[in-house]
């Protein structure tokens, strides 16, 4: 469940002041400052027009678009917009890598404390543990909030519904760790034959 909406720096995309811009509609081709195609608007909802550059789907406020002779415009090229998104995604990934570690506190999508990271495997699967048990989630189920908290992208009810109770003292393994242990046991069985 992903919902990371990355905003591109408003200063870099300051558009021509627009009154009501009827050109900003799904299917509209957006051009940049040199008249070259930047992408196509794929949806407009709640004041956001999502621009598909072919590499990224970029949510931009409708006020970021200017009016051109052939349709909506923005003040950056496709390459510049893709580079900005690449940089923002790399920064977000680095923050997530730093936050998604054993012992880190986890909050729900509503911002409520949920538990802590028990372990993270080399395949990006993480186990979140609390008093009710564990839940195993993929790395892309997490984000870092503006305040720096590690957030799981699910609400408390959904997480609670997927908890697995764990007996006290039981070994807790991620899927990758369980596969490795099974392979190790199988290799031991083969060696013993």
N, C-alpha and C. Protein backbone atom coordinates (compact mmCIF):
# COMPACT_ATOMS: atom_id res chain seq x y z
N UNK A 1 0.86 -1.17 0.00
CA UNK A 1 0.00 0.00 0.00
C UNK A 1 0.90 1.22 0.00
N UNK A 2 1.01 1.85 -1.10
CA UNK A 2 1.87 3.02 -1.20
C UNK A 2 1.00 4.26 -1.30
N UNK A 3 1.45 5.31 -0.63
CA UNK A 3 0.75 6.55 -0.86
C UNK A 3 1.71 7.72 -0.78
N UNK A 4 2.99 7.46 -0.97
CA UNK A 4 3.96 8.52 -0.91
C UNK A 4 3.70 9.53 -1.99
N UNK A 5 3.34 10.72 -1.60
CA UNK A 5 3.16 11.82 -2.56
C UNK A 5 4.32 12.79 -2.34
N UNK A 6 5.17 12.86 -3.31
CA UNK A 6 6.33 13.73 -3.19
C UNK A 6 6.03 15.02 -3.92
N UNK A 7 6.22 16.11 -3.24
CA UNK A 7 5.97 17.42 -3.84
C UNK A 7 7.28 17.96 -4.38
N UNK A 8 7.25 18.47 -5.57
CA UNK A 8 8.42 19.08 -6.18
C UNK A 8 8.48 20.51 -5.69
N UNK A 9 9.69 21.01 -5.49
CA UNK A 9 9.88 22.35 -4.96
C UNK A 9 9.09 23.39 -5.74
N UNK A 10 8.25 24.11 -5.04
CA UNK A 10 7.36 25.08 -5.67
C UNK A 10 8.14 26.18 -6.38
N UNK A 11 9.27 26.57 -5.83
CA UNK A 11 10.06 27.62 -6.46
C UNK A 11 10.50 27.22 -7.86
N UNK A 12 10.91 25.96 -8.00
CA UNK A 12 11.39 25.49 -9.30
C UNK A 12 10.28 25.39 -10.33
N UNK A 13 9.05 25.28 -9.86
CA UNK A 13 7.95 25.09 -10.78
C UNK A 13 6.97 26.25 -10.79
N UNK A 14 7.41 27.40 -10.34
CA UNK A 14 6.50 28.54 -10.32
C UNK A 14 5.97 28.77 -11.72
N UNK A 15 4.68 28.57 -11.87
CA UNK A 15 4.06 28.67 -13.19
C UNK A 15 3.57 30.09 -13.44
N UNK A 16 3.26 30.32 -14.68
CA UNK A 16 2.66 31.59 -15.04
C UNK A 16 1.41 31.75 -14.21
N UNK A 17 1.17 32.91 -13.61
CA UNK A 17 -0.03 33.05 -12.80
C UNK A 17 -1.25 32.65 -13.63
N UNK A 18 -2.02 31.75 -13.06
CA UNK A 18 -3.18 31.25 -13.81
C UNK A 18 -4.45 31.60 -13.08
N UNK A 19 -5.41 32.01 -13.84
CA UNK A 19 -6.74 32.19 -13.27
C UNK A 19 -7.31 30.78 -13.22
N UNK A 20 -8.49 30.56 -13.67
CA UNK A 20 -9.00 29.21 -13.76
C UNK A 20 -8.40 28.61 -15.03
N UNK A 21 -7.62 27.58 -14.90
CA UNK A 21 -6.95 26.99 -16.05
C UNK A 21 -7.70 25.74 -16.50
N UNK A 22 -8.61 25.91 -17.45
CA UNK A 22 -9.40 24.80 -17.96
C UNK A 22 -8.53 23.82 -18.75
N UNK A 23 -7.33 24.23 -19.10
CA UNK A 23 -6.43 23.34 -19.84
C UNK A 23 -5.93 22.18 -18.98
N UNK A 24 -5.96 22.36 -17.67
CA UNK A 24 -5.46 21.32 -16.76
C UNK A 24 -6.57 20.28 -16.58
N UNK A 25 -6.48 19.24 -17.41
CA UNK A 25 -7.48 18.17 -17.40
C UNK A 25 -6.80 16.86 -17.77
N UNK A 26 -7.38 15.77 -17.32
CA UNK A 26 -6.83 14.45 -17.65
C UNK A 26 -6.73 14.30 -19.16
N UNK A 27 -5.58 13.82 -19.61
CA UNK A 27 -5.33 13.62 -21.03
C UNK A 27 -4.60 14.77 -21.70
N UNK A 28 -4.50 15.91 -21.02
CA UNK A 28 -3.82 17.07 -21.60
C UNK A 28 -2.32 16.85 -21.64
N UNK A 29 -1.71 17.22 -22.77
CA UNK A 29 -0.26 17.14 -22.93
C UNK A 29 0.34 18.44 -22.39
N UNK A 30 1.33 18.31 -21.50
CA UNK A 30 1.96 19.46 -20.86
C UNK A 30 3.30 19.71 -21.52
N UNK A 31 3.57 20.97 -21.82
CA UNK A 31 4.85 21.35 -22.41
C UNK A 31 5.67 22.16 -21.41
N UNK A 32 6.98 22.18 -21.67
CA UNK A 32 7.90 22.90 -20.81
C UNK A 32 8.27 24.24 -21.40
N UNK A 33 9.29 24.88 -20.83
CA UNK A 33 9.65 26.23 -21.23
C UNK A 33 10.17 26.33 -22.67
N UNK A 34 10.64 25.23 -23.21
CA UNK A 34 11.16 25.25 -24.57
C UNK A 34 10.13 24.74 -25.57
N UNK A 35 8.90 24.50 -25.09
CA UNK A 35 7.85 24.01 -25.96
C UNK A 35 7.87 22.51 -26.17
N UNK A 36 8.82 21.82 -25.52
CA UNK A 36 8.92 20.36 -25.64
C UNK A 36 7.95 19.70 -24.67
N UNK A 37 7.47 18.53 -25.06
CA UNK A 37 6.53 17.78 -24.22
C UNK A 37 7.22 17.33 -22.92
N UNK A 38 6.53 17.56 -21.79
CA UNK A 38 7.02 17.12 -20.49
C UNK A 38 6.30 15.83 -20.09
N UNK A 39 5.00 15.76 -20.42
CA UNK A 39 4.23 14.58 -20.06
C UNK A 39 2.76 14.83 -20.28
N UNK A 40 1.98 13.89 -19.76
CA UNK A 40 0.53 13.95 -19.90
C UNK A 40 -0.12 13.93 -18.53
N UNK A 41 -1.12 14.76 -18.34
CA UNK A 41 -1.87 14.76 -17.09
C UNK A 41 -2.75 13.51 -17.08
N UNK A 42 -2.59 12.69 -16.04
CA UNK A 42 -3.36 11.45 -15.97
C UNK A 42 -4.58 11.56 -15.07
N UNK A 43 -4.57 12.50 -14.15
CA UNK A 43 -5.75 12.70 -13.29
C UNK A 43 -5.68 14.08 -12.66
N UNK A 44 -6.86 14.61 -12.34
CA UNK A 44 -6.97 15.87 -11.62
C UNK A 44 -7.98 15.65 -10.51
N UNK A 45 -7.52 15.83 -9.29
CA UNK A 45 -8.39 15.58 -8.14
C UNK A 45 -7.89 16.35 -6.94
N UNK A 46 -8.80 16.94 -6.22
CA UNK A 46 -8.48 17.67 -4.98
C UNK A 46 -7.36 18.68 -5.16
N UNK A 47 -7.39 19.42 -6.26
CA UNK A 47 -6.40 20.46 -6.49
C UNK A 47 -5.05 19.96 -6.95
N UNK A 48 -4.92 18.65 -7.22
CA UNK A 48 -3.67 18.06 -7.68
C UNK A 48 -3.87 17.51 -9.09
N UNK A 49 -2.96 17.83 -9.97
CA UNK A 49 -2.96 17.25 -11.31
C UNK A 49 -1.72 16.37 -11.41
N UNK A 50 -1.92 15.08 -11.62
CA UNK A 50 -0.80 14.13 -11.68
C UNK A 50 -0.27 14.10 -13.11
N UNK A 51 1.00 14.46 -13.23
CA UNK A 51 1.67 14.54 -14.52
C UNK A 51 2.55 13.31 -14.70
N UNK A 52 2.29 12.53 -15.76
CA UNK A 52 3.06 11.34 -16.07
C UNK A 52 4.13 11.71 -17.09
N UNK A 53 5.39 11.66 -16.66
CA UNK A 53 6.50 12.01 -17.55
C UNK A 53 6.99 10.81 -18.35
N UNK A 54 6.44 9.66 -18.06
CA UNK A 54 6.94 8.43 -18.66
C UNK A 54 7.88 7.72 -17.70
N UNK A 55 8.48 8.47 -16.80
CA UNK A 55 9.37 7.90 -15.79
C UNK A 55 8.75 8.02 -14.41
N UNK A 56 8.08 9.13 -14.15
CA UNK A 56 7.47 9.39 -12.85
C UNK A 56 6.06 9.91 -13.03
N UNK A 57 5.24 9.67 -12.04
CA UNK A 57 3.92 10.30 -11.95
C UNK A 57 4.04 11.32 -10.84
N UNK A 58 3.99 12.59 -11.22
CA UNK A 58 4.30 13.69 -10.32
C UNK A 58 3.03 14.46 -9.96
N UNK A 59 2.63 14.45 -8.68
CA UNK A 59 1.47 15.24 -8.27
C UNK A 59 1.86 16.71 -8.12
N UNK A 60 1.23 17.56 -8.90
CA UNK A 60 1.50 18.99 -8.83
C UNK A 60 0.18 19.73 -8.60
N UNK A 61 0.23 20.77 -7.80
CA UNK A 61 -0.96 21.59 -7.61
C UNK A 61 -1.38 22.18 -8.94
N UNK A 62 -2.69 22.28 -9.17
CA UNK A 62 -3.17 22.82 -10.45
C UNK A 62 -2.67 24.23 -10.68
N UNK A 63 -2.35 24.95 -9.61
CA UNK A 63 -1.83 26.32 -9.75
C UNK A 63 -0.40 26.34 -10.31
N UNK A 64 0.24 25.17 -10.38
CA UNK A 64 1.60 25.10 -10.90
C UNK A 64 1.64 25.15 -12.42
N UNK A 65 0.50 25.00 -13.05
CA UNK A 65 0.43 24.96 -14.51
C UNK A 65 0.04 26.32 -15.06
N UNK A 66 0.72 26.68 -16.13
CA UNK A 66 0.36 27.88 -16.86
C UNK A 66 -0.47 27.50 -18.08
N UNK A 67 -0.93 28.52 -18.79
CA UNK A 67 -1.72 28.29 -19.99
C UNK A 67 -0.88 28.60 -21.21
N UNK A 68 -0.83 27.66 -22.12
CA UNK A 68 -0.09 27.85 -23.36
C UNK A 68 -1.02 27.78 -24.55
N UNK A 69 -0.49 28.07 -25.72
CA UNK A 69 -1.31 28.02 -26.93
C UNK A 69 -1.81 26.61 -27.21
N UNK A 70 -0.97 25.60 -26.92
CA UNK A 70 -1.33 24.22 -27.25
C UNK A 70 -1.85 23.45 -26.04
N UNK A 71 -1.84 24.05 -24.87
CA UNK A 71 -2.28 23.35 -23.67
C UNK A 71 -1.51 23.83 -22.45
N UNK A 72 -1.63 23.10 -21.35
CA UNK A 72 -0.97 23.53 -20.11
C UNK A 72 0.55 23.48 -20.23
N UNK A 73 1.20 24.35 -19.46
CA UNK A 73 2.66 24.43 -19.46
C UNK A 73 3.19 24.42 -18.03
N UNK A 74 4.45 24.05 -17.88
CA UNK A 74 5.18 24.24 -16.63
C UNK A 74 6.52 24.84 -16.99
N UNK A 75 7.22 25.33 -15.98
CA UNK A 75 8.45 26.08 -16.24
C UNK A 75 9.72 25.25 -16.16
N UNK A 76 9.59 23.93 -16.18
CA UNK A 76 10.76 23.06 -16.18
C UNK A 76 10.63 22.05 -17.32
N UNK A 77 11.76 21.51 -17.74
CA UNK A 77 11.75 20.50 -18.79
C UNK A 77 11.46 19.13 -18.19
N UNK A 78 11.19 18.17 -19.04
CA UNK A 78 10.98 16.79 -18.61
C UNK A 78 12.20 16.28 -17.86
N UNK A 79 13.40 16.53 -18.40
CA UNK A 79 14.63 16.09 -17.76
C UNK A 79 14.77 16.71 -16.37
N UNK A 80 14.51 18.01 -16.25
CA UNK A 80 14.62 18.67 -14.95
C UNK A 80 13.62 18.09 -13.95
N UNK A 81 12.39 17.87 -14.39
CA UNK A 81 11.36 17.33 -13.51
C UNK A 81 11.73 15.90 -13.07
N UNK A 82 12.17 15.07 -14.01
CA UNK A 82 12.59 13.71 -13.67
C UNK A 82 13.78 13.73 -12.72
N UNK A 83 14.73 14.63 -12.95
CA UNK A 83 15.89 14.74 -12.05
C UNK A 83 15.46 15.15 -10.64
N UNK A 84 14.51 16.09 -10.53
CA UNK A 84 14.01 16.51 -9.22
C UNK A 84 13.33 15.34 -8.50
N UNK A 85 12.54 14.58 -9.24
CA UNK A 85 11.86 13.43 -8.64
C UNK A 85 12.86 12.36 -8.24
N UNK A 86 13.86 12.10 -9.09
CA UNK A 86 14.90 11.12 -8.74
C UNK A 86 15.59 11.52 -7.44
N UNK A 87 15.91 12.79 -7.31
CA UNK A 87 16.58 13.28 -6.10
C UNK A 87 15.68 13.13 -4.88
N UNK A 88 14.40 13.48 -5.03
CA UNK A 88 13.49 13.35 -3.89
C UNK A 88 13.28 11.89 -3.49
N UNK A 89 13.16 11.01 -4.48
CA UNK A 89 13.00 9.59 -4.18
C UNK A 89 14.25 9.02 -3.51
N UNK A 90 15.42 9.43 -3.98
CA UNK A 90 16.68 8.96 -3.36
C UNK A 90 16.78 9.45 -1.92
N UNK A 91 16.40 10.70 -1.69
CA UNK A 91 16.43 11.24 -0.33
C UNK A 91 15.45 10.49 0.57
N UNK A 92 14.25 10.23 0.06
CA UNK A 92 13.24 9.49 0.84
C UNK A 92 13.73 8.08 1.14
N UNK A 93 14.35 7.42 0.16
CA UNK A 93 14.87 6.06 0.36
C UNK A 93 15.98 6.05 1.41
N UNK A 94 16.86 7.05 1.37
CA UNK A 94 17.95 7.12 2.35
C UNK A 94 17.38 7.33 3.76
N UNK A 95 16.37 8.18 3.88
CA UNK A 95 15.74 8.40 5.19
C UNK A 95 15.08 7.12 5.69
N UNK A 96 14.43 6.40 4.78
CA UNK A 96 13.79 5.15 5.18
C UNK A 96 14.82 4.12 5.60
N UNK A 97 15.92 4.00 4.85
CA UNK A 97 16.98 3.06 5.21
C UNK A 97 17.51 3.36 6.61
N UNK A 98 17.68 4.65 6.92
CA UNK A 98 18.21 5.03 8.22
C UNK A 98 17.21 4.77 9.35
N UNK A 99 15.92 4.85 9.04
CA UNK A 99 14.90 4.70 10.07
C UNK A 99 14.45 3.26 10.27
N UNK A 100 14.49 2.44 9.22
CA UNK A 100 13.98 1.07 9.27
C UNK A 100 15.05 0.13 9.80
N UNK A 101 15.22 0.17 11.12
CA UNK A 101 16.25 -0.62 11.80
C UNK A 101 15.65 -1.30 13.03
N UNK A 102 16.29 -2.37 13.46
CA UNK A 102 15.83 -3.08 14.65
C UNK A 102 15.69 -2.12 15.82
N UNK A 103 14.57 -2.25 16.53
CA UNK A 103 14.32 -1.44 17.71
C UNK A 103 13.64 -0.12 17.44
N UNK A 104 13.48 0.26 16.18
CA UNK A 104 12.86 1.54 15.85
C UNK A 104 11.37 1.50 16.19
N UNK A 105 10.88 2.57 16.78
CA UNK A 105 9.45 2.70 17.08
C UNK A 105 8.69 2.91 15.78
N UNK A 106 7.49 2.34 15.70
CA UNK A 106 6.66 2.43 14.49
C UNK A 106 5.33 3.05 14.87
N UNK A 107 4.87 3.98 14.04
CA UNK A 107 3.53 4.55 14.20
C UNK A 107 2.67 4.11 13.03
N UNK A 108 1.35 4.14 13.22
CA UNK A 108 0.40 3.77 12.17
C UNK A 108 0.22 4.94 11.22
N UNK A 109 -0.53 4.72 10.16
CA UNK A 109 -0.84 5.79 9.20
C UNK A 109 -1.58 6.93 9.87
N UNK A 110 -2.29 6.62 10.97
CA UNK A 110 -2.98 7.68 11.72
C UNK A 110 -2.05 8.41 12.68
N UNK A 111 -0.81 7.91 12.80
CA UNK A 111 0.16 8.55 13.68
C UNK A 111 0.18 8.01 15.10
N UNK A 112 -0.49 6.88 15.35
CA UNK A 112 -0.54 6.29 16.69
C UNK A 112 0.58 5.26 16.85
N UNK A 113 1.19 5.20 18.04
CA UNK A 113 2.23 4.19 18.29
C UNK A 113 1.68 2.79 18.04
N UNK A 114 2.49 1.93 17.40
CA UNK A 114 2.02 0.57 17.11
C UNK A 114 2.94 -0.50 17.66
N UNK A 115 4.23 -0.28 17.64
CA UNK A 115 5.17 -1.29 18.11
C UNK A 115 6.57 -0.89 17.73
N UNK A 116 7.45 -1.89 17.63
CA UNK A 116 8.84 -1.64 17.25
C UNK A 116 9.26 -2.64 16.18
N UNK A 117 10.30 -2.28 15.46
CA UNK A 117 10.86 -3.18 14.47
C UNK A 117 11.64 -4.26 15.22
N UNK A 118 11.21 -5.51 15.03
CA UNK A 118 11.90 -6.63 15.65
C UNK A 118 13.14 -6.98 14.84
N UNK A 119 12.96 -7.07 13.52
CA UNK A 119 14.09 -7.38 12.64
C UNK A 119 13.75 -6.95 11.21
N UNK A 120 14.80 -6.77 10.42
CA UNK A 120 14.68 -6.47 8.99
C UNK A 120 15.64 -7.41 8.28
N UNK A 121 15.14 -8.11 7.24
CA UNK A 121 16.04 -9.02 6.54
C UNK A 121 16.63 -8.36 5.30
N UNK A 122 17.52 -9.08 4.63
CA UNK A 122 18.22 -8.51 3.48
C UNK A 122 17.34 -8.42 2.24
N UNK A 123 16.10 -8.94 2.30
CA UNK A 123 15.16 -8.81 1.20
C UNK A 123 14.19 -7.66 1.42
N UNK A 124 14.39 -6.92 2.51
CA UNK A 124 13.54 -5.76 2.78
C UNK A 124 12.25 -6.08 3.52
N UNK A 125 12.14 -7.27 4.08
CA UNK A 125 10.97 -7.62 4.88
C UNK A 125 11.27 -7.27 6.33
N UNK A 126 10.29 -6.66 6.99
CA UNK A 126 10.47 -6.25 8.38
C UNK A 126 9.36 -6.85 9.23
N UNK A 127 9.72 -7.21 10.45
CA UNK A 127 8.75 -7.69 11.41
C UNK A 127 8.54 -6.60 12.44
N UNK A 128 7.28 -6.21 12.59
CA UNK A 128 6.89 -5.25 13.62
C UNK A 128 6.30 -6.06 14.76
N UNK A 129 6.74 -5.77 15.96
CA UNK A 129 6.30 -6.52 17.13
C UNK A 129 5.66 -5.57 18.14
N UNK A 130 4.57 -6.04 18.75
CA UNK A 130 4.00 -5.34 19.89
C UNK A 130 3.46 -6.39 20.86
N UNK A 131 2.76 -5.98 21.89
CA UNK A 131 2.29 -6.93 22.91
C UNK A 131 1.32 -7.97 22.37
N UNK A 132 0.67 -7.69 21.23
CA UNK A 132 -0.30 -8.62 20.66
C UNK A 132 0.31 -9.64 19.71
N UNK A 133 1.57 -9.45 19.31
CA UNK A 133 2.22 -10.38 18.40
C UNK A 133 3.09 -9.67 17.40
N UNK A 134 3.11 -10.23 16.17
CA UNK A 134 3.96 -9.68 15.12
C UNK A 134 3.16 -9.53 13.83
N UNK A 135 3.65 -8.67 12.97
CA UNK A 135 3.15 -8.56 11.60
C UNK A 135 4.36 -8.35 10.71
N UNK A 136 4.42 -9.09 9.60
CA UNK A 136 5.53 -8.98 8.66
C UNK A 136 5.11 -8.11 7.50
N UNK A 137 5.93 -7.12 7.18
CA UNK A 137 5.61 -6.15 6.14
C UNK A 137 6.81 -5.92 5.23
N UNK A 138 6.53 -5.63 3.97
CA UNK A 138 7.57 -5.29 3.01
C UNK A 138 8.08 -3.88 3.27
N UNK A 139 9.29 -3.62 2.86
CA UNK A 139 9.93 -2.32 3.04
C UNK A 139 9.07 -1.18 2.49
N UNK A 140 8.40 -1.42 1.35
CA UNK A 140 7.60 -0.35 0.76
C UNK A 140 6.29 -0.10 1.50
N UNK A 141 6.10 -0.79 2.63
CA UNK A 141 4.95 -0.53 3.50
C UNK A 141 5.26 0.54 4.53
N UNK A 142 6.47 1.10 4.46
CA UNK A 142 6.92 2.08 5.45
C UNK A 142 7.28 3.40 4.77
N UNK A 143 7.21 4.46 5.54
CA UNK A 143 7.66 5.78 5.11
C UNK A 143 8.17 6.51 6.35
N UNK A 144 8.83 7.61 6.12
CA UNK A 144 9.29 8.45 7.22
C UNK A 144 8.46 9.72 7.18
N UNK A 145 7.87 10.07 8.31
CA UNK A 145 7.03 11.27 8.38
C UNK A 145 7.90 12.52 8.33
N UNK A 146 7.27 13.65 8.14
CA UNK A 146 7.99 14.93 8.14
C UNK A 146 8.70 15.17 9.47
N UNK A 147 8.16 14.58 10.53
CA UNK A 147 8.76 14.72 11.86
C UNK A 147 9.87 13.70 12.10
N UNK A 148 10.09 12.79 11.14
CA UNK A 148 11.15 11.80 11.25
C UNK A 148 10.74 10.48 11.86
N UNK A 149 9.44 10.29 12.11
CA UNK A 149 8.97 9.02 12.68
C UNK A 149 8.85 7.96 11.59
N UNK A 150 9.11 6.71 11.96
CA UNK A 150 8.93 5.59 11.05
C UNK A 150 7.45 5.23 11.07
N UNK A 151 6.81 5.34 9.92
CA UNK A 151 5.37 5.11 9.83
C UNK A 151 5.10 3.93 8.92
N UNK A 152 4.20 3.05 9.36
CA UNK A 152 3.72 1.98 8.50
C UNK A 152 2.49 2.55 7.79
N UNK A 153 2.34 2.25 6.51
CA UNK A 153 1.32 2.89 5.68
C UNK A 153 -0.04 2.21 5.78
N UNK A 154 -0.36 1.68 6.94
CA UNK A 154 -1.64 1.04 7.19
C UNK A 154 -2.22 1.61 8.48
N UNK A 155 -3.54 1.51 8.59
CA UNK A 155 -4.15 1.98 9.83
C UNK A 155 -4.08 0.88 10.89
N UNK A 156 -4.36 1.27 12.11
CA UNK A 156 -4.23 0.35 13.24
C UNK A 156 -5.12 -0.88 13.07
N UNK A 157 -6.36 -0.68 12.63
CA UNK A 157 -7.29 -1.80 12.49
C UNK A 157 -6.77 -2.83 11.48
N UNK A 158 -6.25 -2.38 10.35
CA UNK A 158 -5.72 -3.31 9.34
C UNK A 158 -4.52 -4.07 9.88
N UNK A 159 -3.65 -3.38 10.60
CA UNK A 159 -2.48 -4.05 11.17
C UNK A 159 -2.90 -5.07 12.22
N UNK A 160 -3.81 -4.67 13.09
CA UNK A 160 -4.26 -5.56 14.16
C UNK A 160 -4.91 -6.81 13.57
N UNK A 161 -5.64 -6.66 12.47
CA UNK A 161 -6.31 -7.80 11.84
C UNK A 161 -5.30 -8.79 11.25
N UNK A 162 -4.09 -8.36 11.02
CA UNK A 162 -3.07 -9.22 10.41
C UNK A 162 -1.97 -9.64 11.38
N UNK A 163 -2.17 -9.38 12.65
CA UNK A 163 -1.18 -9.76 13.67
C UNK A 163 -1.18 -11.28 13.86
N UNK A 164 0.00 -11.81 14.09
CA UNK A 164 0.16 -13.22 14.43
C UNK A 164 0.61 -13.30 15.88
N UNK A 165 -0.18 -13.93 16.73
CA UNK A 165 0.27 -14.07 18.13
C UNK A 165 1.55 -14.91 18.18
N UNK A 166 2.41 -14.59 19.12
CA UNK A 166 3.67 -15.31 19.26
C UNK A 166 3.81 -15.75 20.71
N UNK A 167 4.04 -17.05 20.90
CA UNK A 167 4.23 -17.58 22.25
C UNK A 167 5.53 -17.03 22.82
N UNK A 168 5.53 -16.82 24.12
CA UNK A 168 6.73 -16.29 24.77
C UNK A 168 7.90 -17.23 24.53
N UNK A 169 9.02 -16.68 24.11
CA UNK A 169 10.23 -17.46 23.86
C UNK A 169 10.30 -18.08 22.48
N UNK A 170 9.24 -17.95 21.68
CA UNK A 170 9.25 -18.54 20.33
C UNK A 170 10.22 -17.78 19.44
N UNK A 171 10.83 -18.51 18.51
CA UNK A 171 11.75 -17.90 17.56
C UNK A 171 10.93 -17.15 16.49
N UNK A 172 11.32 -15.94 16.21
CA UNK A 172 10.62 -15.12 15.22
C UNK A 172 11.55 -14.93 14.03
N UNK A 173 11.08 -15.34 12.84
CA UNK A 173 11.88 -15.25 11.63
C UNK A 173 11.12 -14.52 10.54
N UNK A 174 11.85 -13.74 9.75
CA UNK A 174 11.26 -13.16 8.54
C UNK A 174 11.14 -14.28 7.51
N UNK A 175 10.39 -14.09 6.43
CA UNK A 175 10.31 -15.15 5.40
C UNK A 175 11.68 -15.55 4.87
N UNK A 176 12.58 -14.61 4.64
CA UNK A 176 13.91 -14.94 4.13
C UNK A 176 14.70 -15.74 5.15
N UNK A 177 14.58 -15.38 6.42
CA UNK A 177 15.28 -16.11 7.47
C UNK A 177 14.73 -17.53 7.60
N UNK A 178 13.41 -17.67 7.46
CA UNK A 178 12.79 -19.00 7.54
C UNK A 178 13.26 -19.87 6.37
N UNK A 179 13.33 -19.29 5.16
CA UNK A 179 13.81 -20.06 4.00
C UNK A 179 15.26 -20.49 4.20
N UNK A 180 16.08 -19.58 4.72
CA UNK A 180 17.50 -19.89 4.94
C UNK A 180 17.63 -21.01 5.97
N UNK A 181 16.81 -20.96 7.01
CA UNK A 181 16.87 -21.99 8.04
C UNK A 181 16.41 -23.34 7.47
N UNK A 182 15.35 -23.32 6.63
CA UNK A 182 14.88 -24.56 6.00
C UNK A 182 15.96 -25.14 5.08
N UNK A 183 16.62 -24.27 4.31
CA UNK A 183 17.69 -24.73 3.42
C UNK A 183 18.84 -25.32 4.22
N UNK A 184 19.16 -24.68 5.33
CA UNK A 184 20.24 -25.16 6.20
C UNK A 184 19.89 -26.54 6.77
N UNK A 185 18.62 -26.69 7.19
CA UNK A 185 18.18 -27.97 7.75
C UNK A 185 18.17 -29.04 6.66
N UNK A 186 17.73 -28.67 5.46
CA UNK A 186 17.71 -29.63 4.34
C UNK A 186 19.13 -30.06 3.99
N UNK A 187 20.06 -29.09 3.99
CA UNK A 187 21.46 -29.43 3.68
C UNK A 187 22.02 -30.36 4.74
N UNK A 188 21.64 -30.14 6.00
CA UNK A 188 22.09 -31.01 7.08
C UNK A 188 21.52 -32.40 6.93
N UNK A 189 20.24 -32.49 6.49
CA UNK A 189 19.62 -33.80 6.27
C UNK A 189 20.32 -34.53 5.12
N UNK A 190 20.63 -33.80 4.05
CA UNK A 190 21.32 -34.41 2.90
C UNK A 190 22.71 -34.90 3.29
N UNK A 191 23.40 -34.15 4.14
CA UNK A 191 24.74 -34.53 4.55
C UNK A 191 24.71 -35.77 5.44
N UNK A 192 23.60 -35.95 6.16
CA UNK A 192 23.48 -37.07 7.06
C UNK A 192 23.09 -38.36 6.36
N UNK A 193 22.69 -38.30 5.11
CA UNK A 193 22.27 -39.52 4.39
C UNK A 193 23.43 -40.37 3.99
